[in-house]
Amino acid sequence: MGPTTSPTQAPAPTNPASRVAAASLIGTTIEFYDFYVYATAAVLVFPTLFFPSGNATAATLASLATFAIAFVARPVGSVFFGHFGDRIGRKTTLVAALLVMGISTVLIGVLPTHASAGNLAPVLLCVLRFGQGFGLGGEWGGAALLATENAPAHRRALYGMFPQLGAPIGFVIANTLFIVLSTTMSDDAFLSWGWRIPFLLSAVLVVLGLWIRLSLAETPIFAKALAEKKQVRVPVAETFRTSGKIVVLGAFSVMLTYTLFYLTTTWSLSYGTKALAYPRQQFLLMLCVAVLFMAAATPLSGWLSDRVGRRPVLATAMVGGAVVGLLTGPLLGSGSTALVMLWLCAGLFFMGLVFGPIGAYLPELFPTNVRYTGASLAFNSGSILGASLAPYTAVKLAAAHDVSWVGYYLAGTAVVSLIALALLRETRTSSIG
């Protein structure tokens, strides 16, 4: 008999780079498409259909409050999916997270409205919104690990950029669809049934995502840990025992990411169409153009952070985000189309610059046996800090004071994230095997 090979020496299956990129990109594209479809509808149609009221501002605030539910659900999803992702594997857990998010989104598309179901309608909307956030809580961490754990050591940020690139792509798809619907049907038809189409079309994207992900093998790094039996019984407990401080600092370090994105997209859409009186289609088109700057900055920041380090790129982006905040009044508040576009483009450019390296940076902060849980918890806890109440808070600040106060709020989150980043280590040369 020939020599035997121990389980720890068994070669792990490998995935082609193109398939890794496609699988990590398609999932977050779908997730952010689903998420932003809801965000757009929360501004444009949900106040009327699910929260009818004699006060337009009160209806918008109620609708945006449901928007926040998903961000509370995301850390819960991180713990749930992280448990299985750190114990049984990245691939299986990613498929389950995608299904939860996709099914929740499709069901929103068939919900009865307040006119036909009364108060049950907003309750069901809240339940499904929780489902969206719960699924996304497991999606991002798995997609980031799928990319970074398959990457060469010197290209982890470039690979980790692909899940991040899904955000602007999903955003453009969602907004383009809303523009087409808004321009090809009357307002009455759009409010009656047209708004449902983007939610229902999510099913097509989910099937595509499942097909791509089911063709993957487990990541080599986790396959090695599995062979060596390095899993822990309760990953969330082990995460807080060994890396609790990193989870907290990681959450605050990504706080700006969320605040910047949802102020420059969701809140600006509300402010632009109401306070500045832009037609809905025009402002959606302006956002689609501006998000191209985010799409360009995301791979740029991944490439740069593989060369100069994660922290220098992130710090530069955070300073830029603070400057955008301080210029909110003079630019966005001016009402001038050129200056409004400048604010949107600058905000989303720095969003891409701060977003790109995070796909590698957060996973690199945690050991393999709790990496799914730790990275997911940090990223999604940051959503509570930075995004859950950002559009709601911005509406209140703009109404009580003026739009400059929204900018001060944005600049403040940039400072907080910069302080947290300063307390974390550089990871560019760290081993994650």
Protein backbone atom coordinates (compact mmCIF):
# COMPACT_ATOMS: atom_id res chain seq x y z
CA MET A 1 0.00 0.00 0.00
CA GLY A 2 1.22 3.50 -0.76
CA PRO A 3 1.70 6.18 1.88
CA THR A 4 -1.46 7.69 3.33
CA THR A 5 -2.20 11.37 3.32
CA SER A 6 -3.45 12.97 6.52
CA PRO A 7 -6.56 15.12 6.38
CA THR A 8 -4.53 18.21 7.22
CA GLN A 9 -2.31 17.62 4.16
CA ALA A 10 -5.18 17.11 1.73
CA PRO A 11 -5.18 19.80 -0.97
CA ALA A 12 -8.12 22.12 -0.74
CA PRO A 13 -10.29 22.64 -3.83
CA THR A 14 -9.54 25.87 -5.65
CA ASN A 15 -11.85 28.27 -7.45
CA PRO A 16 -10.95 30.12 -10.67
CA ALA A 17 -10.44 33.84 -10.10
CA SER A 18 -13.16 34.76 -12.59
CA ARG A 19 -15.71 32.57 -10.79
CA VAL A 20 -14.74 33.99 -7.39
CA ALA A 21 -15.16 37.53 -8.71
CA ALA A 22 -18.53 36.71 -10.29
CA ALA A 23 -19.87 34.89 -7.22
CA SER A 24 -18.84 37.60 -4.75
CA LEU A 25 -20.03 40.37 -7.08
CA ILE A 26 -23.41 38.89 -8.04
CA GLY A 27 -24.49 38.30 -4.46
CA THR A 28 -23.89 41.82 -3.22
CA THR A 29 -25.29 43.25 -6.46
CA ILE A 30 -28.53 41.41 -5.72
CA GLU A 31 -28.47 42.34 -2.05
CA PHE A 32 -27.91 46.03 -2.69
CA TYR A 33 -30.42 46.00 -5.52
CA ASP A 34 -32.99 44.57 -3.12
CA PHE A 35 -31.98 46.95 -0.37
CA TYR A 36 -32.04 50.04 -2.53
CA VAL A 37 -35.30 49.12 -4.21
CA TYR A 38 -36.77 49.28 -0.73
CA ALA A 39 -34.97 52.53 0.08
CA THR A 40 -36.29 54.20 -3.08
CA ALA A 41 -39.81 52.94 -2.50
CA ALA A 42 -39.64 54.10 1.13
CA VAL A 43 -39.19 57.64 -0.18
CA LEU A 44 -41.40 57.58 -3.26
CA VAL A 45 -44.40 55.34 -2.57
CA PHE A 46 -44.54 53.77 0.90
CA PRO A 47 -45.52 56.99 2.70
CA THR A 48 -48.69 57.10 0.60
CA LEU A 49 -49.49 53.38 0.37
CA PHE A 50 -48.59 52.11 3.84
CA PHE A 51 -48.58 55.18 6.09
CA PRO A 52 -51.38 57.46 4.86
CA SER A 53 -51.57 60.64 6.88
CA GLY A 54 -52.59 64.23 6.48
CA ASN A 55 -48.99 65.29 7.09
CA ALA A 56 -46.52 64.45 4.31
CA THR A 57 -43.46 64.83 6.56
CA ALA A 58 -44.95 62.52 9.20
CA ALA A 59 -45.73 59.89 6.57
CA THR A 60 -42.18 60.08 5.19
CA LEU A 61 -40.70 59.78 8.68
CA ALA A 62 -42.86 56.72 9.41
CA SER A 63 -41.75 55.12 6.15
CA LEU A 64 -38.08 55.85 6.81
CA ALA A 65 -38.46 54.37 10.30
CA THR A 66 -39.28 51.00 8.66
CA PHE A 67 -36.15 51.49 6.57
CA ALA A 68 -34.17 51.43 9.84
CA ILE A 69 -35.57 48.03 10.89
CA ALA A 70 -33.31 46.14 8.51
CA PHE A 71 -30.20 47.68 10.04
CA VAL A 72 -31.22 46.42 13.47
CA ALA A 73 -31.77 42.98 11.91
CA ARG A 74 -28.39 42.85 10.23
CA PRO A 75 -26.24 42.09 13.33
CA VAL A 76 -28.79 39.40 14.27
CA GLY A 77 -28.26 37.88 10.84
CA SER A 78 -24.52 38.20 11.32
CA VAL A 79 -24.63 36.07 14.47
CA PHE A 80 -26.96 33.48 12.93
CA PHE A 81 -25.24 33.05 9.58
CA GLY A 82 -21.80 33.65 11.06
CA HIS A 83 -22.33 30.67 13.36
CA PHE A 84 -22.86 28.33 10.41
CA GLY A 85 -20.34 30.09 8.19
CA ASP A 86 -17.60 29.54 10.79
CA ARG A 87 -18.68 25.97 11.56
CA ILE A 88 -19.83 24.31 8.33
CA GLY A 89 -18.57 26.56 5.53
CA ARG A 90 -18.79 29.81 3.60
CA LYS A 91 -20.52 28.47 0.47
CA THR A 92 -23.59 26.84 2.04
CA THR A 93 -24.19 29.77 4.36
CA LEU A 94 -23.94 32.27 1.52
CA VAL A 95 -26.60 30.42 -0.45
CA ALA A 96 -28.97 30.44 2.54
CA ALA A 97 -28.43 34.16 3.20
CA LEU A 98 -29.15 35.00 -0.42
CA LEU A 99 -32.41 33.02 -0.33
CA VAL A 100 -33.64 34.78 2.82
CA MET A 101 -32.96 38.22 1.38
CA GLY A 102 -34.44 37.38 -2.02
CA ILE A 103 -37.63 35.79 -0.71
CA SER A 104 -38.26 38.72 1.63
CA THR A 105 -37.89 41.18 -1.23
CA VAL A 106 -40.19 39.28 -3.59
CA LEU A 107 -42.89 39.03 -0.90
CA ILE A 108 -42.81 42.82 -0.40
CA GLY A 109 -43.84 43.02 -4.04
CA VAL A 110 -47.11 41.19 -3.35
CA LEU A 111 -48.05 42.89 -0.06
CA PRO A 112 -51.51 44.41 0.37
CA THR A 113 -51.50 48.15 1.04
CA HIS A 114 -53.09 50.07 3.92
CA ALA A 115 -56.16 50.74 1.79
CA SER A 116 -56.97 47.02 1.56
CA ALA A 117 -55.47 45.53 4.74
CA GLY A 118 -55.46 48.41 7.20
CA ASN A 119 -52.78 48.36 9.91
CA LEU A 120 -51.82 44.78 9.02
CA ALA A 121 -50.10 46.13 5.88
CA PRO A 122 -47.37 48.15 7.64
CA VAL A 123 -46.88 45.29 10.15
CA LEU A 124 -46.20 42.82 7.32
CA LEU A 125 -43.94 45.36 5.66
CA CYS A 126 -41.89 45.62 8.87
CA VAL A 127 -41.61 41.82 9.14
CA LEU A 128 -40.33 41.47 5.59
CA ARG A 129 -38.02 44.44 6.02
CA PHE A 130 -36.53 42.60 9.01
CA GLY A 131 -36.08 39.58 6.73
CA GLN A 132 -34.17 41.70 4.23
CA GLY A 133 -31.77 42.90 6.90
CA PHE A 134 -31.44 39.43 8.44
CA GLY A 135 -30.36 37.98 5.09
CA LEU A 136 -27.97 40.80 4.33
CA GLY A 137 -26.42 40.31 7.77
CA GLY A 138 -25.07 36.98 6.53
CA GLU A 139 -24.50 37.97 2.92
CA TRP A 140 -21.78 40.58 3.08
CA GLY A 141 -19.40 38.71 5.40
CA GLY A 142 -19.63 35.54 3.37
CA ALA A 143 -19.08 37.35 0.08
CA ALA A 144 -16.06 39.20 1.48
CA LEU A 145 -14.56 35.97 2.82
CA LEU A 146 -15.26 34.18 -0.44
CA ALA A 147 -13.16 36.82 -2.19
CA THR A 148 -10.32 37.33 0.31
CA GLU A 149 -9.86 33.66 1.28
CA ASN A 150 -9.44 32.77 -2.40
CA ALA A 151 -7.06 35.69 -3.11
CA PRO A 152 -3.26 35.75 -3.44
CA ALA A 153 -1.75 37.40 -0.36
CA HIS A 154 -0.66 40.53 -2.26
CA ARG A 155 -4.06 41.03 -3.93
CA ARG A 156 -6.54 40.51 -1.12
CA ALA A 157 -7.89 44.07 -1.26
CA LEU A 158 -8.31 43.88 -5.04
CA TYR A 159 -10.25 40.63 -4.70
CA GLY A 160 -12.11 41.97 -1.65
CA MET A 161 -13.22 44.92 -3.74
CA PHE A 162 -15.59 42.79 -5.84
CA PRO A 163 -18.29 42.40 -3.15
CA GLN A 164 -18.07 46.17 -2.62
CA LEU A 165 -18.48 46.85 -6.34
CA GLY A 166 -21.87 45.14 -6.14
CA ALA A 167 -23.25 48.14 -4.26
CA PRO A 168 -23.04 50.70 -7.10
CA ILE A 169 -24.07 48.10 -9.68
CA GLY A 170 -27.15 47.14 -7.66
CA PHE A 171 -27.88 50.82 -7.11
CA VAL A 172 -27.75 51.61 -10.84
CA ILE A 173 -29.97 48.65 -11.74
CA ALA A 174 -32.56 49.62 -9.12
CA ASN A 175 -32.57 53.31 -10.00
CA THR A 176 -32.63 52.70 -13.75
CA LEU A 177 -35.63 50.45 -13.32
CA PHE A 178 -37.46 53.10 -11.27
CA ILE A 179 -36.63 55.72 -13.91
CA VAL A 180 -38.03 53.52 -16.70
CA LEU A 181 -41.19 52.80 -14.74
CA SER A 182 -41.67 56.44 -13.77
CA THR A 183 -41.32 57.64 -17.36
CA THR A 184 -43.42 54.95 -19.03
CA MET A 185 -46.47 54.99 -16.78
CA SER A 186 -48.65 57.53 -15.07
CA ASP A 187 -48.24 58.41 -11.40
CA ASP A 188 -51.52 56.64 -10.65
CA ALA A 189 -50.39 53.44 -12.37
CA PHE A 190 -47.00 53.58 -10.67
CA LEU A 191 -48.62 53.98 -7.24
CA SER A 192 -51.20 51.31 -8.01
CA TRP A 193 -48.97 48.49 -9.24
CA GLY A 194 -45.82 49.73 -11.00
CA TRP A 195 -43.80 49.99 -7.78
CA ARG A 196 -44.16 46.23 -7.31
CA ILE A 197 -42.21 45.30 -10.45
CA PRO A 198 -38.68 45.94 -9.07
CA PHE A 199 -39.41 43.76 -6.04
CA LEU A 200 -40.78 40.90 -8.15
CA LEU A 201 -37.89 41.05 -10.63
CA SER A 202 -35.53 40.30 -7.74
CA ALA A 203 -36.48 36.64 -8.19
CA VAL A 204 -34.66 36.53 -11.53
CA LEU A 205 -31.48 37.94 -9.99
CA VAL A 206 -31.64 35.51 -7.06
CA VAL A 207 -31.85 32.48 -9.40
CA LEU A 208 -28.81 33.79 -11.29
CA GLY A 209 -26.90 34.29 -8.04
CA LEU A 210 -27.73 30.81 -6.79
CA TRP A 211 -26.59 29.22 -10.04
CA ILE A 212 -23.21 30.93 -9.84
CA ARG A 213 -22.63 30.23 -6.14
CA LEU A 214 -23.62 26.58 -6.24
CA SER A 215 -20.82 25.98 -8.75
CA LEU A 216 -18.13 27.01 -6.24
CA ALA A 217 -15.95 24.89 -3.98
CA GLU A 218 -15.27 25.88 -0.37
CA THR A 219 -12.53 28.48 0.15
CA PRO A 220 -9.04 26.91 0.53
CA ILE A 221 -8.40 28.64 3.86
CA PHE A 222 -11.62 27.40 5.46
CA ALA A 223 -11.21 23.92 3.91
CA LYS A 224 -7.80 23.73 5.63
CA ALA A 225 -9.27 24.89 8.96
CA LEU A 226 -12.05 22.31 8.58
CA ALA A 227 -9.54 19.53 7.92
CA GLU A 228 -7.56 20.56 10.98
CA LYS A 229 -10.77 20.74 13.06
CA LYS A 230 -10.18 24.33 14.12
CA GLN A 231 -13.86 25.28 14.37
CA VAL A 232 -15.16 26.54 17.70
CA ARG A 233 -18.46 25.46 19.26
CA VAL A 234 -19.99 28.94 19.61
CA PRO A 235 -18.30 31.38 17.20
CA VAL A 236 -20.03 34.50 18.55
CA ALA A 237 -18.86 33.78 22.10
CA GLU A 238 -15.32 33.12 20.90
CA THR A 239 -15.43 36.31 18.82
CA PHE A 240 -16.22 38.50 21.81
CA ARG A 241 -13.81 36.60 24.06
CA THR A 242 -10.83 37.06 21.75
CA SER A 243 -11.75 39.98 19.48
CA GLY A 244 -14.50 41.98 21.17
CA LYS A 245 -12.56 45.24 21.02
CA ILE A 246 -11.91 44.76 17.31
CA VAL A 247 -15.64 44.21 16.65
CA VAL A 248 -16.49 47.50 18.38
CA LEU A 249 -13.71 49.51 16.72
CA GLY A 250 -14.46 47.89 13.36
CA ALA A 251 -18.12 48.92 13.66
CA PHE A 252 -17.22 52.54 14.37
CA SER A 253 -14.62 52.54 11.58
CA VAL A 254 -17.30 51.69 8.98
CA MET A 255 -19.86 54.09 10.46
CA LEU A 256 -19.03 56.77 7.86
CA THR A 257 -19.49 54.27 5.04
CA TYR A 258 -23.15 53.87 5.85
CA THR A 259 -23.91 57.48 6.75
CA LEU A 260 -22.27 58.78 3.59
CA PHE A 261 -24.04 56.33 1.29
CA TYR A 262 -27.53 56.69 2.67
CA LEU A 263 -27.36 60.48 2.99
CA THR A 264 -26.11 60.89 -0.59
CA THR A 265 -28.70 58.46 -1.96
CA THR A 266 -31.84 57.83 0.12
CA TRP A 267 -32.04 61.12 2.00
CA SER A 268 -30.87 63.27 -0.92
CA LEU A 269 -33.64 61.77 -3.06
CA SER A 270 -36.21 62.86 -0.48
CA TYR A 271 -34.64 66.31 -0.08
CA GLY A 272 -34.09 66.84 -3.80
CA THR A 273 -37.62 65.92 -4.86
CA LYS A 274 -39.35 67.74 -2.00
CA ALA A 275 -37.33 70.71 -0.73
CA LEU A 276 -35.56 71.42 -4.03
CA ALA A 277 -38.57 70.42 -6.19
CA TYR A 278 -36.63 68.32 -8.70
CA PRO A 279 -38.77 65.95 -10.79
CA ARG A 280 -38.39 62.40 -9.51
CA GLN A 281 -36.98 61.05 -12.80
CA GLN A 282 -34.41 63.85 -13.05
CA PHE A 283 -33.03 63.34 -9.56
CA LEU A 284 -32.90 59.57 -9.98
CA LEU A 285 -30.92 60.11 -13.18
CA MET A 286 -28.56 62.49 -11.36
CA LEU A 287 -27.96 59.80 -8.74
CA CYS A 288 -27.26 57.19 -11.42
CA VAL A 289 -24.58 59.46 -12.91
CA ALA A 290 -23.08 60.27 -9.50
CA VAL A 291 -22.87 56.63 -8.43
CA LEU A 292 -20.52 56.00 -11.36
CA PHE A 293 -17.93 57.92 -9.32
CA MET A 294 -18.41 55.41 -6.52
CA ALA A 295 -18.05 52.56 -9.02
CA ALA A 296 -14.76 54.06 -10.25
CA ALA A 297 -13.37 54.78 -6.77
CA THR A 298 -14.09 51.29 -5.40
CA PRO A 299 -11.55 49.33 -7.53
CA LEU A 300 -9.13 52.25 -7.33
CA SER A 301 -9.13 52.09 -3.53
CA GLY A 302 -8.72 48.31 -3.55
CA TRP A 303 -5.73 48.58 -5.88
CA LEU A 304 -4.18 51.39 -3.86
CA SER A 305 -4.62 49.67 -0.50
CA ASP A 306 -2.74 46.61 -1.76
CA ARG A 307 0.19 48.90 -2.44
CA VAL A 308 0.25 51.49 0.34
CA GLY A 309 -1.89 49.84 3.02
CA ARG A 310 -5.53 49.81 4.10
CA ARG A 311 -5.33 52.56 6.72
CA PRO A 312 -3.82 55.34 4.56
CA VAL A 313 -6.51 54.90 1.90
CA LEU A 314 -9.31 54.69 4.44
CA ALA A 315 -8.04 57.74 6.36
CA THR A 316 -7.87 59.81 3.16
CA ALA A 317 -11.42 58.82 2.30
CA MET A 318 -12.67 59.70 5.77
CA VAL A 319 -11.14 63.16 5.61
CA GLY A 320 -12.76 63.60 2.20
CA GLY A 321 -16.11 62.52 3.63
CA ALA A 322 -15.83 65.16 6.36
CA VAL A 323 -15.13 67.85 3.75
CA VAL A 324 -18.19 66.77 1.75
CA GLY A 325 -20.22 67.09 4.94
CA LEU A 326 -19.03 70.62 5.59
CA LEU A 327 -19.88 71.60 2.00
CA THR A 328 -23.43 70.24 2.16
CA GLY A 329 -25.01 73.65 2.79
CA PRO A 330 -23.14 75.61 0.10
CA LEU A 331 -23.46 72.86 -2.55
CA LEU A 332 -26.61 70.80 -1.99
CA GLY A 333 -28.45 73.63 -0.26
CA SER A 334 -27.86 75.97 -3.20
CA GLY A 335 -30.38 74.18 -5.40
CA SER A 336 -28.12 74.76 -8.41
CA THR A 337 -28.06 71.62 -10.55
CA ALA A 338 -24.30 71.92 -11.15
CA LEU A 339 -23.52 72.32 -7.44
CA VAL A 340 -25.96 69.60 -6.39
CA MET A 341 -24.29 67.25 -8.88
CA LEU A 342 -20.87 68.21 -7.53
CA TRP A 343 -21.99 67.32 -4.00
CA LEU A 344 -23.49 64.00 -5.11
CA CYS A 345 -20.44 63.03 -7.19
CA ALA A 346 -17.95 64.01 -4.47
CA GLY A 347 -19.92 62.22 -1.76
CA LEU A 348 -20.22 59.00 -3.73
CA PHE A 349 -16.58 59.15 -4.87
CA PHE A 350 -15.38 59.23 -1.27
CA MET A 351 -17.96 56.57 -0.45
CA GLY A 352 -16.28 54.29 -3.01
CA LEU A 353 -12.85 55.21 -1.68
CA VAL A 354 -13.79 54.26 1.90
CA PHE A 355 -15.89 51.24 0.84
CA GLY A 356 -13.38 49.45 -1.41
CA PRO A 357 -10.72 48.35 1.16
CA ILE A 358 -13.27 47.25 3.78
CA GLY A 359 -13.93 43.97 1.95
CA ALA A 360 -10.39 42.87 2.82
CA TYR A 361 -9.68 45.00 5.88
CA LEU A 362 -12.39 43.71 8.21
CA PRO A 363 -11.85 39.99 7.43
CA GLU A 364 -8.09 40.44 7.91
CA LEU A 365 -8.66 41.64 11.49
CA PHE A 366 -10.07 38.24 12.62
CA PRO A 367 -8.73 34.65 12.81
CA THR A 368 -10.17 32.03 10.43
CA ASN A 369 -12.33 30.24 13.02
CA VAL A 370 -14.39 33.38 13.81
CA ARG A 371 -13.75 35.43 10.67
CA TYR A 372 -17.28 35.12 9.26
CA THR A 373 -18.89 36.10 12.55
CA GLY A 374 -16.39 38.83 13.46
CA ALA A 375 -16.26 40.60 10.09
CA SER A 376 -20.03 40.37 9.65
CA LEU A 377 -20.75 41.69 13.14
CA ALA A 378 -18.37 44.64 12.75
CA PHE A 379 -19.68 45.56 9.31
CA ASN A 380 -23.36 45.20 10.16
CA SER A 381 -23.16 46.76 13.62
CA GLY A 382 -21.71 49.74 11.81
CA SER A 383 -24.98 49.90 9.90
CA ILE A 384 -26.88 50.59 13.13
CA LEU A 385 -24.45 53.35 14.02
CA GLY A 386 -24.20 54.91 10.59
CA ALA A 387 -27.30 54.16 8.55
CA SER A 388 -30.29 52.95 10.52
CA LEU A 389 -31.40 56.45 11.50
CA ALA A 390 -29.35 58.51 9.04
CA PRO A 391 -32.17 59.41 6.59
CA TYR A 392 -34.60 59.90 9.49
CA THR A 393 -32.16 62.10 11.41
CA ALA A 394 -31.36 64.10 8.29
CA VAL A 395 -35.04 64.82 7.63
CA LYS A 396 -35.45 66.04 11.22
CA LEU A 397 -32.30 68.19 11.13
CA ALA A 398 -33.17 69.79 7.80
CA ALA A 399 -36.70 70.55 9.01
CA ALA A 400 -35.66 71.91 12.43
CA HIS A 401 -32.60 73.88 11.27
CA ASP A 402 -31.33 73.80 7.69
CA VAL A 403 -29.49 71.47 5.34
CA SER A 404 -26.07 72.53 6.68
CA TRP A 405 -26.83 70.65 9.90
CA VAL A 406 -27.13 67.44 7.90
CA GLY A 407 -23.61 68.14 6.68
CA TYR A 408 -22.33 68.66 10.24
CA TYR A 409 -23.88 65.31 11.16
CA LEU A 410 -22.06 63.66 8.24
CA ALA A 411 -18.75 65.32 9.16
CA GLY A 412 -19.15 64.15 12.77
CA THR A 413 -19.49 60.51 11.71
CA ALA A 414 -16.33 60.90 9.60
CA VAL A 415 -14.39 62.06 12.66
CA VAL A 416 -15.68 59.13 14.75
CA SER A 417 -14.66 56.63 12.04
CA LEU A 418 -11.24 58.21 11.72
CA ILE A 419 -10.61 57.88 15.48
CA ALA A 420 -11.66 54.21 15.41
CA LEU A 421 -9.40 53.55 12.43
CA ALA A 422 -6.46 55.07 14.28
CA LEU A 423 -6.95 52.50 17.06
CA LEU A 424 -6.90 49.53 14.67
CA ARG A 425 -3.81 47.89 13.17
CA GLU A 426 -2.68 47.80 9.56
CA THR A 427 -3.39 44.41 7.93
CA ARG A 428 -1.90 44.59 4.42
CA THR A 429 0.99 42.23 5.24
CA SER A 430 -0.93 40.05 7.74
CA SER A 431 -1.39 36.33 7.10
CA ILE A 432 -4.99 35.08 7.13
CA GLY A 433 -4.25 31.37 6.56
